[in-house]
Amino acid sequence: MKSKSRIILYTKPGCHLCEEMKHEMVRAQCDDLYTLEEVNIETEPDLLRRYRFEIPVLEIDGVVAFKGRLRAEEFKAHIKSAPSR
């Protein structure tokens, strides 16, 4: 079996688009294919400068895959086709 994809969600408290993205990820029903780490961009000045106006940003296996909005179907298709699959 292949390893799980490593996902980092760059977010910040109170971000409604971030909450929507997480909801769509759950709706995709493929959480057995990845591990998720949420990173608050407000804790690191470099991340805040880089992502302040772009969150949420979803990085999959070290590559930015989605910014802003996400649909469950797109996410699931992307995860299933990830190199770690």
Protein backbone atom coordinates (compact mmCIF):
# COMPACT_ATOMS: atom_id res chain seq x y z
CA MET A 1 0.00 0.00 0.00
CA LYS A 2 1.20 3.49 -0.83
CA SER A 3 1.76 6.10 1.84
CA LYS A 4 -0.81 8.75 2.68
CA SER A 5 -0.55 12.18 1.13
CA ARG A 6 0.65 14.87 3.51
CA ILE A 7 -1.62 17.90 3.45
CA ILE A 8 -0.95 21.27 5.01
CA LEU A 9 -3.82 23.75 5.26
CA TYR A 10 -2.59 27.31 5.73
CA THR A 11 -5.31 29.12 7.64
CA LYS A 12 -6.00 31.65 10.38
CA PRO A 13 -8.65 31.97 13.09
CA GLY A 14 -11.99 33.30 11.89
CA CYS A 15 -11.43 32.47 8.23
CA HIS A 16 -14.81 31.41 6.82
CA LEU A 17 -13.28 30.25 3.52
CA CYS A 18 -10.94 28.01 5.52
CA GLU A 19 -13.91 26.45 7.29
CA GLU A 20 -15.65 25.92 3.95
CA MET A 21 -12.53 24.22 2.57
CA LYS A 22 -12.32 21.88 5.56
CA HIS A 23 -16.02 21.07 5.15
CA GLU A 24 -15.48 20.15 1.49
CA MET A 25 -12.52 17.96 2.44
CA VAL A 26 -14.73 16.05 4.89
CA ARG A 27 -17.49 15.84 2.31
CA ALA A 28 -15.04 14.18 -0.12
CA GLN A 29 -14.95 11.16 2.22
CA CYS A 30 -11.33 10.25 1.54
CA ASP A 31 -9.66 11.09 4.86
CA ASP A 32 -8.05 7.63 4.88
CA LEU A 33 -5.83 8.81 2.00
CA TYR A 34 -4.13 11.74 3.72
CA THR A 35 -2.87 13.27 6.94
CA LEU A 36 -3.80 16.88 7.64
CA GLU A 37 -1.82 19.55 9.43
CA GLU A 38 -3.37 22.97 9.93
CA VAL A 39 -0.94 25.88 10.13
CA ASN A 40 -2.02 29.25 11.50
CA ILE A 41 -0.28 31.79 9.29
CA GLU A 42 -0.46 34.40 12.06
CA THR A 43 2.13 32.48 14.09
CA GLU A 44 4.94 33.02 11.58
CA PRO A 45 5.71 36.41 9.97
CA ASP A 46 6.96 34.82 6.72
CA LEU A 47 3.76 32.79 6.30
CA LEU A 48 1.64 35.84 7.09
CA ARG A 49 3.45 37.86 4.41
CA ARG A 50 3.17 35.04 1.88
CA TYR A 51 -0.45 33.97 2.44
CA ARG A 52 -2.22 36.95 4.07
CA PHE A 53 -4.49 37.59 1.08
CA GLU A 54 -4.59 34.05 -0.33
CA ILE A 55 -5.88 31.78 2.43
CA PRO A 56 -6.97 29.14 2.55
CA VAL A 57 -4.04 27.50 0.81
CA LEU A 58 -3.92 23.72 0.59
CA GLU A 59 -0.56 22.13 0.00
CA ILE A 60 -0.48 18.45 -0.98
CA ASP A 61 2.82 16.59 -0.73
CA GLY A 62 4.77 19.85 -0.76
CA VAL A 63 2.96 21.43 -3.72
CA VAL A 64 0.28 24.12 -3.50
CA ALA A 65 -2.77 22.43 -5.01
CA PHE A 66 -5.69 24.71 -4.08
CA LYS A 67 -6.24 28.32 -3.00
CA GLY A 68 -9.48 29.93 -1.93
CA ARG A 69 -12.38 27.68 -2.76
CA LEU A 70 -12.44 23.91 -3.09
CA ARG A 71 -15.06 21.43 -4.24
CA ALA A 72 -15.18 17.97 -2.68
CA GLU A 73 -15.08 16.24 -6.07
CA GLU A 74 -11.96 18.15 -7.19
CA PHE A 75 -10.22 17.42 -3.92
CA LYS A 76 -11.00 13.70 -4.02
CA ALA A 77 -9.83 13.38 -7.62
CA HIS A 78 -6.61 15.20 -6.81
CA ILE A 79 -5.88 13.06 -3.74
CA LYS A 80 -6.56 9.84 -5.62
CA SER A 81 -4.13 10.85 -8.36
CA ALA A 82 -1.39 12.09 -5.99
CA PRO A 83 2.10 10.60 -6.53
CA SER A 84 1.92 8.93 -3.10
CA ARG A 85 -1.08 6.87 -4.30
